[in-house]
C-alpha cells in the first residue's frame, strides 16, 4: 500500500488517498507562519496602545 493509493471517495466522488488525510509539511509550515504573523501583529498592537495611553 502507498500513501498515494486511493482509499475511498469524498461526497463529490473524488478519490481520497492517505496523503490527503495526513496533510503535508507545507500545511504545517503555513500554519506556523500564520501564527507568528498573528503574534507579531498582536504584540505590535499592544505596544502601540501602551505608547498612546490606550488610544488607537
PDB file of N, CA and C in Angstrom:
ATOM      1  N   UNK A   1       0.850  -1.175   0.000  1.00  0.00           N
ATOM      2  CA  UNK A   1       0.000   0.000   0.000  1.00  0.00           C
ATOM      3  C   UNK A   1       0.896   1.238   0.000  1.00  0.00           C
ATOM      4  N   UNK A   2       0.468   2.248  -0.741  1.00  0.00           N
ATOM      5  CA  UNK A   2       1.197   3.501  -0.862  1.00  0.00           C
ATOM      6  C   UNK A   2       0.352   4.638  -0.301  1.00  0.00           C
ATOM      7  N   UNK A   3       1.003   5.717   0.094  1.00  0.00           N
ATOM      8  CA  UNK A   3       0.266   6.889   0.563  1.00  0.00           C
ATOM      9  C   UNK A   3      -0.596   7.495  -0.536  1.00  0.00           C
ATOM     10  N   UNK A   4      -0.267   7.182  -1.781  1.00  0.00           N
ATOM     11  CA  UNK A   4      -0.992   7.748  -2.917  1.00  0.00           C
ATOM     12  C   UNK A   4      -2.066   6.810  -3.474  1.00  0.00           C
ATOM     13  N   UNK A   5      -2.215   5.622  -2.887  1.00  0.00           N
ATOM     14  CA  UNK A   5      -3.270   4.699  -3.317  1.00  0.00           C
ATOM     15  C   UNK A   5      -4.622   5.201  -2.845  1.00  0.00           C
ATOM     16  N   UNK A   6      -5.643   5.107  -3.679  1.00  0.00           N
ATOM     17  CA  UNK A   6      -6.982   5.536  -3.250  1.00  0.00           C
ATOM     18  C   UNK A   6      -7.511   4.662  -2.121  1.00  0.00           C
ATOM     19  N   UNK A   7      -8.142   5.303  -1.126  1.00  0.00           N
ATOM     20  CA  UNK A   7      -8.727   4.551  -0.017  1.00  0.00           C
ATOM     21  C   UNK A   7     -10.232   4.771   0.075  1.00  0.00           C
ATOM     22  N   UNK A   8     -10.765   5.598  -0.803  1.00  0.00           N
ATOM     23  CA  UNK A   8     -12.195   5.877  -0.792  1.00  0.00           C
ATOM     24  C   UNK A   8     -12.498   7.095  -1.641  1.00  0.00           C
ATOM     25  N   UNK A   9     -13.720   7.593  -1.488  1.00  0.00           N
ATOM     26  CA  UNK A   9     -14.133   8.780  -2.225  1.00  0.00           C
ATOM     27  C   UNK A   9     -14.807   9.766  -1.282  1.00  0.00           C
ATOM     28  N   UNK A  10     -14.746  11.057  -1.668  1.00  0.00           N
ATOM     29  CA  UNK A  10     -15.448  12.064  -0.881  1.00  0.00           C
ATOM     30  C   UNK A  10     -16.881  12.186  -1.390  1.00  0.00           C
ATOM     31  N   UNK A  11     -17.656  13.107  -0.820  1.00  0.00           N
ATOM     32  CA  UNK A  11     -19.069  13.199  -1.193  1.00  0.00           C
ATOM     33  C   UNK A  11     -19.283  13.684  -2.623  1.00  0.00           C
ATOM     34  N   UNK A  12     -18.242  14.282  -3.252  1.00  0.00           N
ATOM     35  CA  UNK A  12     -18.351  14.673  -4.651  1.00  0.00           C
ATOM     36  C   UNK A  12     -17.888  13.567  -5.600  1.00  0.00           C
ATOM     37  N   UNK A  13     -17.411  12.458  -5.046  1.00  0.00           N
ATOM     38  CA  UNK A  13     -16.968  11.339  -5.869  1.00  0.00           C
ATOM     39  C   UNK A  13     -15.481  11.360  -6.198  1.00  0.00           C
ATOM     40  N   UNK A  14     -14.735  12.296  -5.635  1.00  0.00           N
ATOM     41  CA  UNK A  14     -13.291  12.360  -5.856  1.00  0.00           C
ATOM     42  C   UNK A  14     -12.582  11.329  -5.000  1.00  0.00           C
ATOM     43  N   UNK A  15     -11.524  10.719  -5.572  1.00  0.00           N
ATOM     44  CA  UNK A  15     -10.759   9.738  -4.813  1.00  0.00           C
ATOM     45  C   UNK A  15     -10.031  10.408  -3.657  1.00  0.00           C
ATOM     46  N   UNK A  16      -9.965   9.721  -2.531  1.00  0.00           N
ATOM     47  CA  UNK A  16      -9.227  10.179  -1.359  1.00  0.00           C
ATOM     48  C   UNK A  16      -8.065   9.223  -1.135  1.00  0.00           C
ATOM     49  N   UNK A  17      -6.891   9.781  -0.876  1.00  0.00           N
ATOM     50  CA  UNK A  17      -5.713   8.971  -0.572  1.00  0.00           C
ATOM     51  C   UNK A  17      -5.271   9.248   0.865  1.00  0.00           C
ATOM     52  N   UNK A  18      -4.398   8.406   1.377  1.00  0.00           N
ATOM     53  CA  UNK A  18      -3.882   8.618   2.736  1.00  0.00           C
ATOM     54  C   UNK A  18      -3.157   9.956   2.842  1.00  0.00           C
ATOM     55  N   UNK A  19      -2.421  10.337   1.800  1.00  0.00           N
ATOM     56  CA  UNK A  19      -1.690  11.600   1.839  1.00  0.00           C
ATOM     57  C   UNK A  19      -2.657  12.775   1.951  1.00  0.00           C
ATOM     58  N   UNK A  20      -3.861  12.659   1.374  1.00  0.00           N
ATOM     59  CA  UNK A  20      -4.875  13.711   1.502  1.00  0.00           C
ATOM     60  C   UNK A  20      -5.299  13.872   2.958  1.00  0.00           C
ATOM     61  N   UNK A  21      -5.447  12.768   3.637  1.00  0.00           N
ATOM     62  CA  UNK A  21      -5.920  12.780   5.020  1.00  0.00           C
ATOM     63  C   UNK A  21      -4.814  13.232   5.970  1.00  0.00           C
ATOM     64  N   UNK A  22      -3.600  12.778   5.733  1.00  0.00           N
ATOM     65  CA  UNK A  22      -2.487  13.087   6.628  1.00  0.00           C
ATOM     66  C   UNK A  22      -2.007  14.527   6.495  1.00  0.00           C
ATOM     67  N   UNK A  23      -2.252  15.162   5.376  1.00  0.00           N
ATOM     68  CA  UNK A  23      -1.780  16.525   5.158  1.00  0.00           C
ATOM     69  C   UNK A  23      -0.328  16.517   4.734  1.00  0.00           C
ATOM     70  N   UNK A  24       0.303  17.669   4.825  1.00  0.00           N
ATOM     71  CA  UNK A  24       1.695  17.768   4.398  1.00  0.00           C
ATOM     72  C   UNK A  24       2.453  18.733   5.285  1.00  0.00           C
ATOM     73  N   UNK A  25       3.757  18.687   5.170  1.00  0.00           N
ATOM     74  CA  UNK A  25       4.591  19.611   5.923  1.00  0.00           C
ATOM     75  C   UNK A  25       4.326  21.041   5.497  1.00  0.00           C
ATOM     76  N   UNK A  26       3.991  21.241   4.226  1.00  0.00           N
ATOM     77  CA  UNK A  26       3.704  22.598   3.745  1.00  0.00           C
ATOM     78  C   UNK A  26       2.545  23.207   4.522  1.00  0.00           C
ATOM     79  N   UNK A  27       1.539  22.401   4.824  1.00  0.00           N
ATOM     80  CA  UNK A  27       0.412  22.888   5.625  1.00  0.00           C
ATOM     81  C   UNK A  27       0.893  23.307   7.017  1.00  0.00           C
ATOM     82  N   UNK A  28       1.755  22.494   7.623  1.00  0.00           N
ATOM     83  CA  UNK A  28       2.278  22.803   8.949  1.00  0.00           C
ATOM     84  C   UNK A  28       3.091  24.088   8.928  1.00  0.00           C
ATOM     85  N   UNK A  29       3.916  24.257   7.904  1.00  0.00           N
ATOM     86  CA  UNK A  29       4.741  25.455   7.792  1.00  0.00           C
ATOM     87  C   UNK A  29       3.861  26.682   7.632  1.00  0.00           C
ATOM     88  N   UNK A  30       2.848  26.600   6.777  1.00  0.00           N
ATOM     89  CA  UNK A  30       1.944  27.738   6.570  1.00  0.00           C
ATOM     90  C   UNK A  30       1.228  28.099   7.867  1.00  0.00           C
ATOM     91  N   UNK A  31       0.800  27.094   8.629  1.00  0.00           N
ATOM     92  CA  UNK A  31       0.137  27.359   9.912  1.00  0.00           C
ATOM     93  C   UNK A  31       1.084  28.045  10.894  1.00  0.00           C
ATOM     94  N   UNK A  32       2.339  27.613  10.942  1.00  0.00           N
ATOM     95  CA  UNK A  32       3.316  28.209  11.856  1.00  0.00           C
ATOM     96  C   UNK A  32       3.607  29.660  11.464  1.00  0.00           C
ATOM     97  N   UNK A  33       3.733  29.915  10.172  1.00  0.00           N
ATOM     98  CA  UNK A  33       3.983  31.284   9.705  1.00  0.00           C
ATOM     99  C   UNK A  33       2.809  32.179  10.055  1.00  0.00           C
ATOM    100  N   UNK A  34       1.589  31.700   9.820  1.00  0.00           N
ATOM    101  CA  UNK A  34       0.391  32.477  10.139  1.00  0.00           C
ATOM    102  C   UNK A  34       0.334  32.804  11.632  1.00  0.00           C
ATOM    103  N   UNK A  35       0.664  31.838  12.472  1.00  0.00           N
ATOM    104  CA  UNK A  35       0.665  32.052  13.912  1.00  0.00           C
ATOM    105  C   UNK A  35       1.689  33.115  14.316  1.00  0.00           C
ATOM    106  N   UNK A  36       2.885  33.050  13.712  1.00  0.00           N
ATOM    107  CA  UNK A  36       3.910  34.052  14.021  1.00  0.00           C
ATOM    108  C   UNK A  36       3.460  35.443  13.590  1.00  0.00           C
ATOM    109  N   UNK A  37       2.825  35.545  12.442  1.00  0.00           N
ATOM    110  CA  UNK A  37       2.331  36.842  11.962  1.00  0.00           C
ATOM    111  C   UNK A  37       1.289  37.384  12.926  1.00  0.00           C
ATOM    112  N   UNK A  38       0.360  36.535  13.336  1.00  0.00           N
ATOM    113  CA  UNK A  38      -0.685  36.972  14.267  1.00  0.00           C
ATOM    114  C   UNK A  38      -0.098  37.418  15.601  1.00  0.00           C
ATOM    115  N   UNK A  39       0.906  36.689  16.111  1.00  0.00           N
ATOM    116  CA  UNK A  39       1.546  37.069  17.368  1.00  0.00           C
ATOM    117  C   UNK A  39       2.274  38.402  17.219  1.00  0.00           C
ATOM    118  N   UNK A  40       2.944  38.593  16.081  1.00  0.00           N
ATOM    119  CA  UNK A  40       3.665  39.849  15.849  1.00  0.00           C
ATOM    120  C   UNK A  40       2.707  41.026  15.795  1.00  0.00           C
ATOM    121  N   UNK A  41       1.609  40.863  15.087  1.00  0.00           N
ATOM    122  CA  UNK A  41       0.612  41.928  14.989  1.00  0.00           C
ATOM    123  C   UNK A  41       0.032  42.227  16.359  1.00  0.00           C
ATOM    124  N   UNK A  42      -0.244  41.179  17.109  1.00  0.00           N
ATOM    125  CA  UNK A  42      -0.807  41.352  18.449  1.00  0.00           C
ATOM    126  C   UNK A  42       0.160  42.107  19.359  1.00  0.00           C
ATOM    127  N   UNK A  43       1.435  41.752  19.313  1.00  0.00           N
ATOM    128  CA  UNK A  43       2.402  42.432  20.174  1.00  0.00           C
ATOM    129  C   UNK A  43       2.623  43.865  19.715  1.00  0.00           C
ATOM    130  N   UNK A  44       2.575  44.129  18.412  1.00  0.00           N
ATOM    131  CA  UNK A  44       2.724  45.499  17.918  1.00  0.00           C
ATOM    132  C   UNK A  44       1.523  46.338  18.334  1.00  0.00           C
ATOM    133  N   UNK A  45       0.351  45.771  18.295  1.00  0.00           N
ATOM    134  CA  UNK A  45      -0.856  46.479  18.709  1.00  0.00           C
ATOM    135  C   UNK A  45      -0.779  46.806  20.193  1.00  0.00           C
ATOM    136  N   UNK A  46      -0.297  45.885  21.000  1.00  0.00           N
ATOM    137  CA  UNK A  46      -0.148  46.107  22.438  1.00  0.00           C
ATOM    138  C   UNK A  46       0.839  47.223  22.734  1.00  0.00           C
ATOM    139  N   UNK A  47       1.942  47.262  22.000  1.00  0.00           N
ATOM    140  CA  UNK A  47       2.929  48.333  22.202  1.00  0.00           C
ATOM    141  C   UNK A  47       2.356  49.672  21.793  1.00  0.00           C
ATOM    142  N   UNK A  48       1.600  49.699  20.720  1.00  0.00           N
ATOM    143  CA  UNK A  48       1.003  50.952  20.266  1.00  0.00           C
ATOM    144  C   UNK A  48       0.032  51.473  21.300  1.00  0.00           C
ATOM    145  N   UNK A  49      -0.766  50.586  21.877  1.00  0.00           N
ATOM    146  CA  UNK A  49      -1.731  51.011  22.900  1.00  0.00           C
ATOM    147  C   UNK A  49      -1.005  51.578  24.125  1.00  0.00           C
ATOM    148  N   UNK A  50       0.070  50.917  24.559  1.00  0.00           N
ATOM    149  CA  UNK A  50       0.768  51.414  25.726  1.00  0.00           C
ATOM    150  C   UNK A  50       1.482  52.731  25.399  1.00  0.00           C
ATOM    151  N   UNK A  51       1.949  52.886  24.189  1.00  0.00           N
ATOM    152  CA  UNK A  51       2.624  54.115  23.780  1.00  0.00           C
ATOM    153  C   UNK A  51       1.658  55.303  23.764  1.00  0.00           C
ATOM    154  N   UNK A  52       0.438  55.071  23.281  1.00  0.00           N
ATOM    155  CA  UNK A  52      -0.559  56.136  23.156  1.00  0.00           C
ATOM    156  C   UNK A  52      -1.507  56.186  24.339  1.00  0.00           C
ATOM    157  N   UNK A  53      -1.170  55.503  25.392  1.00  0.00           N
ATOM    158  CA  UNK A  53      -2.014  55.547  26.577  1.00  0.00           C
ATOM    159  C   UNK A  53      -3.348  54.839  26.406  1.00  0.00           C
ATOM    160  N   UNK A  54      -3.359  53.789  25.561  1.00  0.00           N
ATOM    161  CA  UNK A  54      -4.580  53.019  25.374  1.00  0.00           C
ATOM    162  C   UNK A  54      -5.464  53.509  24.242  1.00  0.00           C
ATOM    163  N   UNK A  55      -5.080  54.574  23.567  1.00  0.00           N
ATOM    164  CA  UNK A  55      -5.863  55.073  22.448  1.00  0.00           C
ATOM    165  C   UNK A  55      -5.276  54.598  21.138  1.00  0.00           C
ATOM    166  N   UNK A  56      -6.117  54.241  20.221  1.00  0.00           N
ATOM    167  CA  UNK A  56      -5.644  53.841  18.888  1.00  0.00           C
ATOM    168  C   UNK A  56      -5.703  55.021  17.951  1.00  0.00           C
TER     169      UNK A  56
END
